[in-house]
Amino acid sequence: MGMSLSHREWTVEAINAIPEDGNRYEVIDGELFVTPAPTLGHQGVAAELFMRIAMHVRPLSLDAYFAPVAVTFSPRTEVQPDIVVVPRMASGERAEKFADVGRLVLAVEILSPRTARVDRTKKLSLYQRENVPEYWIVDSFARTIERWRPESIQPEVLRDSISWQPILDGDPLTIDLIALFHEALGEAR
């Protein structure tokens, strides 16, 4: 994930005070991570995946969001996953900020050479610790999604399709990964 600046203990308050410069600033357990703007390929994969997820969760009283969106777990930990799904508030209304609902249903990170190490270590540990039901690591170079759950020791590596059932009595979302990557990356079939 870009550069880690560990010369001091970082807080959410400190990263929110950094002037806007086009970078993404995240802090995990007091350690700062800086990521430059993503590539078009990264954004293409994020957009295609987001559209599929958002359309599926809307009737389920869940909402999907894409980065930048602040997910603050503590004064020393705030991340901006590429895609998140959160529940609606008890009133049925959409949350204004993560603290209104306080939990994720799904977190998705699209790998880049600069983010792979942190996405597969620090963020994986964080999402498992926070009991995020599913964490997907999307590798557009390998054309795979690694599915992690809180109890996982190894990921489920999916190449052809992924099925996700965000609520027990709801229909699953099944995504054809081959088609997703072809469409997202503008490749002819």
N, C-alpha and C. Protein backbone atom coordinates (compact mmCIF):
# COMPACT_ATOMS: atom_id res chain seq x y z
N MET A 1 0.86 -1.16 0.00
CA MET A 1 0.00 0.00 0.00
C MET A 1 0.88 1.20 0.00
N GLY A 2 1.48 1.56 -1.05
CA GLY A 2 2.28 2.74 -1.09
C GLY A 2 3.31 2.76 0.01
N MET A 3 3.32 3.84 0.71
CA MET A 3 4.36 4.08 1.69
C MET A 3 3.78 4.05 3.09
N SER A 4 4.49 3.46 4.01
CA SER A 4 4.12 3.47 5.41
C SER A 4 5.05 4.44 6.13
N LEU A 5 4.47 5.38 6.82
CA LEU A 5 5.26 6.35 7.57
C LEU A 5 5.07 6.06 9.05
N SER A 6 6.02 5.34 9.64
CA SER A 6 5.83 4.88 11.01
C SER A 6 6.68 5.65 12.00
N HIS A 7 7.10 6.84 11.65
CA HIS A 7 7.95 7.61 12.54
C HIS A 7 7.19 8.14 13.76
N ARG A 8 5.89 8.07 13.74
CA ARG A 8 5.09 8.52 14.87
C ARG A 8 3.82 7.69 14.93
N GLU A 9 3.10 7.82 16.00
CA GLU A 9 1.82 7.13 16.17
C GLU A 9 0.75 7.98 15.50
N TRP A 10 0.11 7.44 14.46
CA TRP A 10 -0.89 8.18 13.71
C TRP A 10 -2.29 7.90 14.25
N THR A 11 -3.17 8.88 14.11
CA THR A 11 -4.56 8.73 14.52
C THR A 11 -5.46 9.14 13.36
N VAL A 12 -6.72 8.80 13.48
CA VAL A 12 -7.70 9.21 12.48
C VAL A 12 -7.75 10.73 12.42
N GLU A 13 -7.72 11.36 13.56
CA GLU A 13 -7.74 12.83 13.62
C GLU A 13 -6.56 13.43 12.85
N ALA A 14 -5.37 12.84 13.01
CA ALA A 14 -4.18 13.35 12.31
C ALA A 14 -4.28 13.17 10.81
N ILE A 15 -4.78 12.02 10.34
CA ILE A 15 -4.86 11.85 8.88
C ILE A 15 -5.95 12.73 8.28
N ASN A 16 -6.99 13.01 9.05
CA ASN A 16 -8.04 13.90 8.54
C ASN A 16 -7.58 15.35 8.46
N ALA A 17 -6.48 15.67 9.14
CA ALA A 17 -5.93 17.02 9.11
C ALA A 17 -4.95 17.22 7.95
N ILE A 18 -4.57 16.15 7.24
CA ILE A 18 -3.65 16.25 6.12
C ILE A 18 -4.38 16.93 4.95
N PRO A 19 -3.77 17.96 4.34
CA PRO A 19 -4.41 18.63 3.21
C PRO A 19 -4.65 17.65 2.06
N GLU A 20 -5.73 17.84 1.34
CA GLU A 20 -6.09 16.99 0.20
C GLU A 20 -5.00 17.11 -0.86
N ASP A 21 -4.46 15.96 -1.28
CA ASP A 21 -3.40 15.96 -2.29
C ASP A 21 -3.58 14.85 -3.33
N GLY A 22 -4.76 14.20 -3.34
CA GLY A 22 -5.01 13.14 -4.32
C GLY A 22 -4.62 11.77 -3.85
N ASN A 23 -3.94 11.65 -2.72
CA ASN A 23 -3.57 10.35 -2.17
C ASN A 23 -4.65 9.87 -1.21
N ARG A 24 -4.66 8.56 -0.98
CA ARG A 24 -5.55 7.96 0.00
C ARG A 24 -4.73 7.71 1.26
N TYR A 25 -5.20 8.23 2.39
CA TYR A 25 -4.53 8.05 3.67
C TYR A 25 -5.36 7.13 4.54
N GLU A 26 -4.71 6.07 5.02
CA GLU A 26 -5.37 5.13 5.90
C GLU A 26 -4.45 4.90 7.10
N VAL A 27 -5.05 4.58 8.23
CA VAL A 27 -4.26 4.29 9.43
C VAL A 27 -4.80 3.00 10.03
N ILE A 28 -3.90 2.06 10.29
CA ILE A 28 -4.27 0.78 10.89
C ILE A 28 -3.43 0.61 12.14
N ASP A 29 -4.10 0.58 13.28
CA ASP A 29 -3.42 0.43 14.57
C ASP A 29 -2.29 1.45 14.73
N GLY A 30 -2.54 2.68 14.32
CA GLY A 30 -1.57 3.76 14.49
C GLY A 30 -0.51 3.87 13.41
N GLU A 31 -0.52 2.97 12.42
CA GLU A 31 0.46 3.00 11.34
C GLU A 31 -0.18 3.61 10.09
N LEU A 32 0.47 4.60 9.52
CA LEU A 32 -0.05 5.32 8.36
C LEU A 32 0.33 4.63 7.06
N PHE A 33 -0.66 4.55 6.13
CA PHE A 33 -0.42 4.02 4.80
C PHE A 33 -0.93 5.04 3.79
N VAL A 34 -0.09 5.34 2.79
CA VAL A 34 -0.41 6.34 1.78
C VAL A 34 -0.42 5.64 0.42
N THR A 35 -1.53 5.83 -0.30
CA THR A 35 -1.68 5.19 -1.61
C THR A 35 -1.99 6.26 -2.65
N PRO A 36 -1.27 6.27 -3.78
CA PRO A 36 -1.60 7.22 -4.84
C PRO A 36 -2.91 6.84 -5.53
N ALA A 37 -3.39 7.73 -6.36
CA ALA A 37 -4.63 7.48 -7.10
C ALA A 37 -4.52 6.18 -7.89
N PRO A 38 -5.62 5.43 -7.98
CA PRO A 38 -5.60 4.16 -8.70
C PRO A 38 -5.55 4.34 -10.21
N THR A 39 -5.20 3.24 -10.90
CA THR A 39 -5.14 3.25 -12.36
C THR A 39 -6.54 3.08 -12.95
N LEU A 40 -6.65 3.30 -14.25
CA LEU A 40 -7.92 3.09 -14.93
C LEU A 40 -8.36 1.63 -14.87
N GLY A 41 -7.41 0.70 -15.01
CA GLY A 41 -7.75 -0.72 -14.93
C GLY A 41 -8.32 -1.08 -13.57
N HIS A 42 -7.69 -0.58 -12.53
CA HIS A 42 -8.18 -0.79 -11.17
C HIS A 42 -9.60 -0.26 -11.02
N GLN A 43 -9.82 0.94 -11.50
CA GLN A 43 -11.14 1.57 -11.38
C GLN A 43 -12.18 0.85 -12.25
N GLY A 44 -11.76 0.32 -13.39
CA GLY A 44 -12.68 -0.45 -14.23
C GLY A 44 -13.19 -1.69 -13.52
N VAL A 45 -12.28 -2.41 -12.88
CA VAL A 45 -12.67 -3.61 -12.12
C VAL A 45 -13.56 -3.20 -10.96
N ALA A 46 -13.18 -2.15 -10.22
CA ALA A 46 -13.98 -1.70 -9.09
C ALA A 46 -15.39 -1.30 -9.54
N ALA A 47 -15.49 -0.59 -10.66
CA ALA A 47 -16.80 -0.12 -11.15
C ALA A 47 -17.69 -1.30 -11.55
N GLU A 48 -17.16 -2.24 -12.31
CA GLU A 48 -17.96 -3.39 -12.74
C GLU A 48 -18.44 -4.22 -11.55
N LEU A 49 -17.55 -4.44 -10.62
CA LEU A 49 -17.91 -5.22 -9.44
C LEU A 49 -18.91 -4.47 -8.57
N PHE A 50 -18.68 -3.17 -8.39
CA PHE A 50 -19.59 -2.35 -7.59
C PHE A 50 -21.01 -2.38 -8.17
N MET A 51 -21.14 -2.22 -9.47
CA MET A 51 -22.48 -2.20 -10.09
C MET A 51 -23.24 -3.50 -9.80
N ARG A 52 -22.55 -4.61 -9.92
CA ARG A 52 -23.21 -5.90 -9.67
C ARG A 52 -23.63 -6.03 -8.20
N ILE A 53 -22.73 -5.65 -7.31
CA ILE A 53 -23.03 -5.76 -5.88
C ILE A 53 -24.14 -4.80 -5.48
N ALA A 54 -24.05 -3.55 -5.91
CA ALA A 54 -25.03 -2.53 -5.51
C ALA A 54 -26.44 -2.89 -5.94
N MET A 55 -26.59 -3.38 -7.16
CA MET A 55 -27.91 -3.76 -7.65
C MET A 55 -28.50 -4.92 -6.84
N HIS A 56 -27.65 -5.82 -6.40
CA HIS A 56 -28.11 -6.99 -5.65
C HIS A 56 -28.53 -6.63 -4.22
N VAL A 57 -27.77 -5.76 -3.56
CA VAL A 57 -28.02 -5.51 -2.13
C VAL A 57 -29.10 -4.48 -1.85
N ARG A 58 -29.39 -3.63 -2.80
CA ARG A 58 -30.36 -2.55 -2.57
C ARG A 58 -31.69 -3.05 -2.02
N PRO A 59 -32.32 -4.09 -2.59
CA PRO A 59 -33.60 -4.55 -2.04
C PRO A 59 -33.47 -5.33 -0.72
N LEU A 60 -32.24 -5.55 -0.26
CA LEU A 60 -32.01 -6.33 0.96
C LEU A 60 -31.77 -5.46 2.19
N SER A 61 -32.05 -4.16 2.09
CA SER A 61 -31.77 -3.21 3.17
C SER A 61 -30.29 -3.13 3.50
N LEU A 62 -29.49 -3.26 2.45
CA LEU A 62 -28.05 -3.09 2.54
C LEU A 62 -27.64 -2.03 1.52
N ASP A 63 -26.53 -1.37 1.77
CA ASP A 63 -26.05 -0.35 0.86
C ASP A 63 -24.59 -0.60 0.51
N ALA A 64 -24.25 -0.42 -0.75
CA ALA A 64 -22.88 -0.56 -1.24
C ALA A 64 -22.30 0.83 -1.51
N TYR A 65 -21.03 1.00 -1.18
CA TYR A 65 -20.31 2.26 -1.40
C TYR A 65 -18.94 1.92 -1.97
N PHE A 66 -18.34 2.89 -2.69
CA PHE A 66 -17.01 2.71 -3.22
C PHE A 66 -16.10 3.81 -2.70
N ALA A 67 -14.81 3.55 -2.74
CA ALA A 67 -13.81 4.49 -2.22
C ALA A 67 -13.85 5.80 -3.00
N PRO A 68 -13.56 6.88 -2.29
CA PRO A 68 -13.18 6.92 -0.90
C PRO A 68 -14.39 6.97 0.02
N VAL A 69 -14.41 6.07 0.98
CA VAL A 69 -15.41 6.07 2.04
C VAL A 69 -14.70 5.66 3.32
N ALA A 70 -14.84 6.47 4.35
CA ALA A 70 -14.12 6.22 5.60
C ALA A 70 -14.82 5.15 6.43
N VAL A 71 -14.06 4.13 6.79
CA VAL A 71 -14.53 3.08 7.68
C VAL A 71 -13.66 3.19 8.93
N THR A 72 -14.20 3.80 9.97
CA THR A 72 -13.44 4.07 11.18
C THR A 72 -13.79 3.05 12.25
N PHE A 73 -12.80 2.23 12.62
CA PHE A 73 -13.00 1.22 13.64
C PHE A 73 -12.60 1.71 15.02
N SER A 74 -11.67 2.67 15.08
CA SER A 74 -11.19 3.20 16.36
C SER A 74 -10.47 4.51 16.09
N PRO A 75 -10.08 5.25 17.13
CA PRO A 75 -9.33 6.49 16.89
C PRO A 75 -7.98 6.26 16.21
N ARG A 76 -7.49 5.01 16.18
CA ARG A 76 -6.21 4.68 15.56
C ARG A 76 -6.34 3.83 14.31
N THR A 77 -7.59 3.60 13.85
CA THR A 77 -7.78 2.73 12.68
C THR A 77 -8.92 3.23 11.81
N GLU A 78 -8.57 3.68 10.60
CA GLU A 78 -9.55 4.07 9.60
C GLU A 78 -9.02 3.65 8.24
N VAL A 79 -9.83 2.90 7.50
CA VAL A 79 -9.45 2.44 6.17
C VAL A 79 -10.49 2.90 5.16
N GLN A 80 -10.11 2.79 3.89
CA GLN A 80 -11.00 3.15 2.78
C GLN A 80 -11.01 2.01 1.78
N PRO A 81 -11.77 0.94 2.06
CA PRO A 81 -11.82 -0.17 1.10
C PRO A 81 -12.34 0.31 -0.25
N ASP A 82 -11.99 -0.43 -1.29
CA ASP A 82 -12.46 -0.06 -2.63
C ASP A 82 -13.98 -0.16 -2.72
N ILE A 83 -14.56 -1.18 -2.10
CA ILE A 83 -16.02 -1.35 -2.06
C ILE A 83 -16.38 -1.86 -0.67
N VAL A 84 -17.46 -1.33 -0.11
CA VAL A 84 -18.00 -1.85 1.15
C VAL A 84 -19.50 -2.01 1.03
N VAL A 85 -20.02 -2.96 1.79
CA VAL A 85 -21.46 -3.12 1.95
C VAL A 85 -21.74 -3.01 3.43
N VAL A 86 -22.71 -2.14 3.77
CA VAL A 86 -23.11 -1.94 5.16
C VAL A 86 -24.62 -2.13 5.28
N PRO A 87 -25.06 -2.48 6.49
CA PRO A 87 -26.51 -2.58 6.69
C PRO A 87 -27.12 -1.19 6.82
N ARG A 88 -28.42 -1.13 6.64
CA ARG A 88 -29.11 0.13 6.93
C ARG A 88 -29.29 0.27 8.44
N MET A 89 -29.62 1.45 8.86
CA MET A 89 -29.86 1.69 10.28
C MET A 89 -31.15 1.00 10.71
N ALA A 90 -31.36 0.86 12.00
CA ALA A 90 -32.54 0.18 12.52
C ALA A 90 -33.83 0.81 11.99
N SER A 91 -33.80 2.10 11.69
CA SER A 91 -34.96 2.81 11.16
C SER A 91 -35.22 2.46 9.69
N GLY A 92 -34.28 1.78 9.05
CA GLY A 92 -34.39 1.47 7.62
C GLY A 92 -33.75 2.52 6.74
N GLU A 93 -33.28 3.60 7.33
CA GLU A 93 -32.63 4.67 6.56
C GLU A 93 -31.16 4.35 6.31
N ARG A 94 -30.63 4.97 5.27
CA ARG A 94 -29.22 4.83 4.97
C ARG A 94 -28.38 5.58 6.01
N ALA A 95 -27.24 5.01 6.33
CA ALA A 95 -26.33 5.65 7.27
C ALA A 95 -25.65 6.85 6.62
N GLU A 96 -25.38 7.85 7.40
CA GLU A 96 -24.62 9.02 6.94
C GLU A 96 -23.12 8.77 7.08
N LYS A 97 -22.75 8.00 8.09
CA LYS A 97 -21.34 7.68 8.33
C LYS A 97 -21.26 6.27 8.90
N PHE A 98 -20.08 5.68 8.81
CA PHE A 98 -19.91 4.30 9.24
C PHE A 98 -20.31 4.10 10.70
N ALA A 99 -20.06 5.07 11.55
CA ALA A 99 -20.39 4.94 12.98
C ALA A 99 -21.88 4.72 13.20
N ASP A 100 -22.72 5.15 12.25
CA ASP A 100 -24.17 4.96 12.40
C ASP A 100 -24.56 3.48 12.41
N VAL A 101 -23.79 2.63 11.70
CA VAL A 101 -24.09 1.20 11.65
C VAL A 101 -22.99 0.36 12.30
N GLY A 102 -21.75 0.83 12.23
CA GLY A 102 -20.64 0.23 12.95
C GLY A 102 -20.16 -1.14 12.51
N ARG A 103 -20.66 -1.63 11.39
CA ARG A 103 -20.17 -2.94 10.93
C ARG A 103 -20.25 -3.03 9.42
N LEU A 104 -19.38 -3.86 8.88
CA LEU A 104 -19.38 -4.15 7.46
C LEU A 104 -20.00 -5.51 7.21
N VAL A 105 -20.68 -5.64 6.09
CA VAL A 105 -21.19 -6.93 5.63
C VAL A 105 -20.18 -7.52 4.64
N LEU A 106 -19.51 -6.64 3.89
CA LEU A 106 -18.51 -7.06 2.90
C LEU A 106 -17.50 -5.93 2.74
N ALA A 107 -16.22 -6.31 2.64
CA ALA A 107 -15.15 -5.38 2.28
C ALA A 107 -14.44 -5.95 1.07
N VAL A 108 -14.14 -5.09 0.09
CA VAL A 108 -13.47 -5.53 -1.14
C VAL A 108 -12.28 -4.61 -1.39
N GLU A 109 -11.14 -5.23 -1.65
CA GLU A 109 -9.95 -4.48 -2.07
C GLU A 109 -9.50 -5.02 -3.42
N ILE A 110 -9.23 -4.10 -4.36
CA ILE A 110 -8.70 -4.45 -5.67
C ILE A 110 -7.19 -4.28 -5.57
N LEU A 111 -6.44 -5.34 -5.80
CA LEU A 111 -4.98 -5.27 -5.65
C LEU A 111 -4.33 -4.38 -6.70
N SER A 112 -3.27 -3.75 -6.28
CA SER A 112 -2.34 -3.10 -7.19
C SER A 112 -0.95 -3.46 -6.66
N PRO A 113 0.09 -3.28 -7.45
CA PRO A 113 1.42 -3.61 -6.94
C PRO A 113 1.75 -2.88 -5.63
N ARG A 114 1.23 -1.68 -5.47
CA ARG A 114 1.53 -0.91 -4.26
C ARG A 114 0.68 -1.29 -3.06
N THR A 115 -0.45 -1.97 -3.27
CA THR A 115 -1.34 -2.27 -2.15
C THR A 115 -1.35 -3.73 -1.74
N ALA A 116 -0.80 -4.61 -2.56
CA ALA A 116 -0.95 -6.05 -2.34
C ALA A 116 -0.47 -6.50 -0.96
N ARG A 117 0.69 -6.05 -0.53
CA ARG A 117 1.23 -6.50 0.76
C ARG A 117 0.30 -6.12 1.91
N VAL A 118 -0.14 -4.89 1.95
CA VAL A 118 -1.00 -4.44 3.05
C VAL A 118 -2.39 -5.06 2.95
N ASP A 119 -2.93 -5.17 1.73
CA ASP A 119 -4.25 -5.78 1.56
C ASP A 119 -4.26 -7.21 2.05
N ARG A 120 -3.15 -7.93 1.83
CA ARG A 120 -3.08 -9.35 2.20
C ARG A 120 -2.59 -9.59 3.62
N THR A 121 -2.13 -8.56 4.31
CA THR A 121 -1.64 -8.76 5.67
C THR A 121 -2.41 -7.88 6.66
N LYS A 122 -2.09 -6.61 6.68
CA LYS A 122 -2.67 -5.69 7.67
C LYS A 122 -4.19 -5.62 7.56
N LYS A 123 -4.70 -5.43 6.33
CA LYS A 123 -6.15 -5.31 6.17
C LYS A 123 -6.85 -6.64 6.41
N LEU A 124 -6.25 -7.72 5.96
CA LEU A 124 -6.83 -9.04 6.23
C LEU A 124 -6.96 -9.25 7.74
N SER A 125 -5.92 -8.98 8.47
CA SER A 125 -5.95 -9.13 9.93
C SER A 125 -7.01 -8.23 10.55
N LEU A 126 -7.08 -6.99 10.08
CA LEU A 126 -8.08 -6.04 10.60
C LEU A 126 -9.49 -6.53 10.34
N TYR A 127 -9.81 -6.92 9.12
CA TYR A 127 -11.17 -7.34 8.80
C TYR A 127 -11.55 -8.63 9.53
N GLN A 128 -10.60 -9.53 9.71
CA GLN A 128 -10.89 -10.73 10.48
C GLN A 128 -11.12 -10.37 11.95
N ARG A 129 -10.29 -9.51 12.50
CA ARG A 129 -10.45 -9.07 13.90
C ARG A 129 -11.78 -8.38 14.12
N GLU A 130 -12.25 -7.63 13.11
CA GLU A 130 -13.52 -6.90 13.22
C GLU A 130 -14.71 -7.76 12.80
N ASN A 131 -14.47 -9.05 12.56
CA ASN A 131 -15.53 -10.01 12.19
C ASN A 131 -16.33 -9.59 10.96
N VAL A 132 -15.65 -9.06 9.97
CA VAL A 132 -16.30 -8.76 8.69
C VAL A 132 -16.63 -10.11 8.05
N PRO A 133 -17.92 -10.39 7.77
CA PRO A 133 -18.30 -11.72 7.28
C PRO A 133 -17.55 -12.19 6.03
N GLU A 134 -17.28 -11.26 5.10
CA GLU A 134 -16.50 -11.62 3.92
C GLU A 134 -15.60 -10.45 3.53
N TYR A 135 -14.37 -10.81 3.20
CA TYR A 135 -13.38 -9.88 2.67
C TYR A 135 -12.88 -10.47 1.37
N TRP A 136 -13.06 -9.72 0.27
CA TRP A 136 -12.62 -10.18 -1.05
C TRP A 136 -11.38 -9.39 -1.46
N ILE A 137 -10.35 -10.13 -1.85
CA ILE A 137 -9.16 -9.52 -2.44
C ILE A 137 -9.21 -9.85 -3.93
N VAL A 138 -9.38 -8.83 -4.74
CA VAL A 138 -9.55 -9.00 -6.18
C VAL A 138 -8.21 -8.79 -6.87
N ASP A 139 -7.75 -9.81 -7.55
CA ASP A 139 -6.48 -9.75 -8.28
C ASP A 139 -6.79 -9.75 -9.77
N SER A 140 -6.81 -8.56 -10.36
CA SER A 140 -7.17 -8.46 -11.78
C SER A 140 -6.08 -9.00 -12.69
N PHE A 141 -4.85 -9.10 -12.21
CA PHE A 141 -3.77 -9.67 -13.02
C PHE A 141 -3.93 -11.19 -13.11
N ALA A 142 -4.26 -11.83 -11.98
CA ALA A 142 -4.46 -13.29 -11.96
C ALA A 142 -5.90 -13.66 -12.32
N ARG A 143 -6.78 -12.65 -12.41
CA ARG A 143 -8.20 -12.86 -12.73
C ARG A 143 -8.87 -13.75 -11.67
N THR A 144 -8.60 -13.43 -10.39
CA THR A 144 -9.16 -14.20 -9.28
C THR A 144 -9.72 -13.30 -8.20
N ILE A 145 -10.55 -13.89 -7.37
CA ILE A 145 -10.97 -13.26 -6.12
C ILE A 145 -10.63 -14.24 -5.00
N GLU A 146 -9.92 -13.73 -4.00
CA GLU A 146 -9.65 -14.50 -2.79
C GLU A 146 -10.75 -14.12 -1.79
N ARG A 147 -11.50 -15.12 -1.32
CA ARG A 147 -12.55 -14.86 -0.34
C ARG A 147 -12.03 -15.27 1.05
N TRP A 148 -12.09 -14.32 1.97
CA TRP A 148 -11.68 -14.55 3.35
C TRP A 148 -12.88 -14.35 4.26
N ARG A 149 -12.95 -15.16 5.29
CA ARG A 149 -13.96 -15.02 6.34
C ARG A 149 -13.22 -14.89 7.67
N PRO A 150 -13.91 -14.47 8.72
CA PRO A 150 -13.21 -14.26 10.00
C PRO A 150 -12.41 -15.47 10.49
N GLU A 151 -12.91 -16.67 10.26
CA GLU A 151 -12.24 -17.87 10.75
C GLU A 151 -11.25 -18.48 9.74
N SER A 152 -11.12 -17.89 8.55
CA SER A 152 -10.26 -18.46 7.50
C SER A 152 -8.79 -18.44 7.88
N ILE A 153 -8.13 -19.54 7.55
CA ILE A 153 -6.67 -19.61 7.66
C ILE A 153 -6.06 -19.45 6.27
N GLN A 154 -6.77 -19.92 5.26
CA GLN A 154 -6.38 -19.79 3.86
C GLN A 154 -7.59 -19.23 3.11
N PRO A 155 -7.33 -18.50 2.02
CA PRO A 155 -8.47 -17.99 1.25
C PRO A 155 -9.09 -19.07 0.37
N GLU A 156 -10.33 -18.84 0.03
CA GLU A 156 -10.97 -19.60 -1.04
C GLU A 156 -10.65 -18.81 -2.31
N VAL A 157 -9.91 -19.39 -3.24
CA VAL A 157 -9.50 -18.69 -4.45
C VAL A 157 -10.46 -19.07 -5.57
N LEU A 158 -11.15 -18.06 -6.10
CA LEU A 158 -12.19 -18.27 -7.09
C LEU A 158 -11.74 -17.71 -8.44
N ARG A 159 -11.90 -18.53 -9.49
CA ARG A 159 -11.46 -18.13 -10.83
C ARG A 159 -12.61 -18.00 -11.81
N ASP A 160 -13.63 -18.83 -11.70
CA ASP A 160 -14.72 -18.85 -12.66
C ASP A 160 -15.91 -18.00 -12.23
N SER A 161 -16.32 -18.17 -10.98
CA SER A 161 -17.46 -17.41 -10.47
C SER A 161 -17.37 -17.31 -8.96
N ILE A 162 -18.12 -16.36 -8.42
CA ILE A 162 -18.24 -16.22 -6.97
C ILE A 162 -19.71 -16.08 -6.65
N SER A 163 -20.15 -16.78 -5.63
CA SER A 163 -21.52 -16.63 -5.13
C SER A 163 -21.45 -16.10 -3.71
N TRP A 164 -22.30 -15.13 -3.45
CA TRP A 164 -22.30 -14.47 -2.14
C TRP A 164 -23.74 -14.30 -1.70
N GLN A 165 -24.02 -14.69 -0.48
CA GLN A 165 -25.37 -14.58 0.09
C GLN A 165 -25.28 -13.68 1.32
N PRO A 166 -25.52 -12.38 1.15
CA PRO A 166 -25.33 -11.45 2.26
C PRO A 166 -26.34 -11.58 3.40
N ILE A 167 -27.54 -12.10 3.09
CA ILE A 167 -28.50 -12.38 4.16
C ILE A 167 -28.98 -13.82 4.01
N LEU A 168 -29.21 -14.48 5.13
CA LEU A 168 -29.50 -15.91 5.13
C LEU A 168 -30.68 -16.32 4.26
N ASP A 169 -31.76 -15.57 4.31
CA ASP A 169 -32.95 -15.98 3.56
C ASP A 169 -33.06 -15.30 2.20
N GLY A 170 -31.99 -14.68 1.74
CA GLY A 170 -32.01 -14.00 0.45
C GLY A 170 -31.37 -14.83 -0.64
N ASP A 171 -31.63 -14.44 -1.87
CA ASP A 171 -31.00 -15.10 -3.02
C ASP A 171 -29.52 -14.72 -3.07
N PRO A 172 -28.68 -15.65 -3.48
CA PRO A 172 -27.25 -15.30 -3.62
C PRO A 172 -27.00 -14.48 -4.87
N LEU A 173 -25.96 -13.69 -4.81
CA LEU A 173 -25.43 -13.00 -5.98
C LEU A 173 -24.35 -13.90 -6.56
N THR A 174 -24.48 -14.25 -7.83
CA THR A 174 -23.45 -15.04 -8.49
C THR A 174 -22.86 -14.18 -9.61
N ILE A 175 -21.54 -14.05 -9.58
CA ILE A 175 -20.84 -13.22 -10.54
C ILE A 175 -19.92 -14.11 -11.38
N ASP A 176 -20.06 -14.02 -12.68
CA ASP A 176 -19.19 -14.71 -13.63
C ASP A 176 -17.89 -13.90 -13.67
N LEU A 177 -16.83 -14.43 -13.09
CA LEU A 177 -15.58 -13.68 -12.98
C LEU A 177 -14.87 -13.53 -14.33
N ILE A 178 -15.00 -14.50 -15.18
CA ILE A 178 -14.37 -14.39 -16.51
C ILE A 178 -14.98 -13.21 -17.26
N ALA A 179 -16.31 -13.13 -17.25
CA ALA A 179 -16.99 -12.01 -17.91
C ALA A 179 -16.69 -10.69 -17.22
N LEU A 180 -16.67 -10.69 -15.91
CA LEU A 180 -16.39 -9.46 -15.15
C LEU A 180 -15.04 -8.88 -15.56
N PHE A 181 -14.00 -9.70 -15.56
CA PHE A 181 -12.67 -9.19 -15.89
C PHE A 181 -12.58 -8.76 -17.36
N HIS A 182 -13.23 -9.49 -18.26
CA HIS A 182 -13.21 -9.09 -19.67
C HIS A 182 -13.88 -7.72 -19.84
N GLU A 183 -15.04 -7.54 -19.24
CA GLU A 183 -15.76 -6.27 -19.36
C GLU A 183 -15.01 -5.14 -18.66
N ALA A 184 -14.52 -5.42 -17.48
CA ALA A 184 -13.85 -4.37 -16.69
C ALA A 184 -12.57 -3.88 -17.32
N LEU A 185 -11.87 -4.79 -17.98
CA LEU A 185 -10.58 -4.43 -18.55
C LEU A 185 -10.65 -4.12 -20.05
N GLY A 186 -11.88 -4.11 -20.59
CA GLY A 186 -12.10 -3.72 -21.98
C GLY A 186 -11.53 -4.70 -22.97
N GLU A 187 -11.54 -5.97 -22.63
CA GLU A 187 -10.99 -6.98 -23.51
C GLU A 187 -12.08 -7.60 -24.38
N ALA A 188 -11.75 -7.89 -25.61
CA ALA A 188 -12.70 -8.58 -26.49
C ALA A 188 -12.77 -10.03 -26.09
N ARG A 189 -13.95 -10.61 -26.22
CA ARG A 189 -14.12 -12.02 -25.86
C ARG A 189 -13.83 -12.91 -27.03
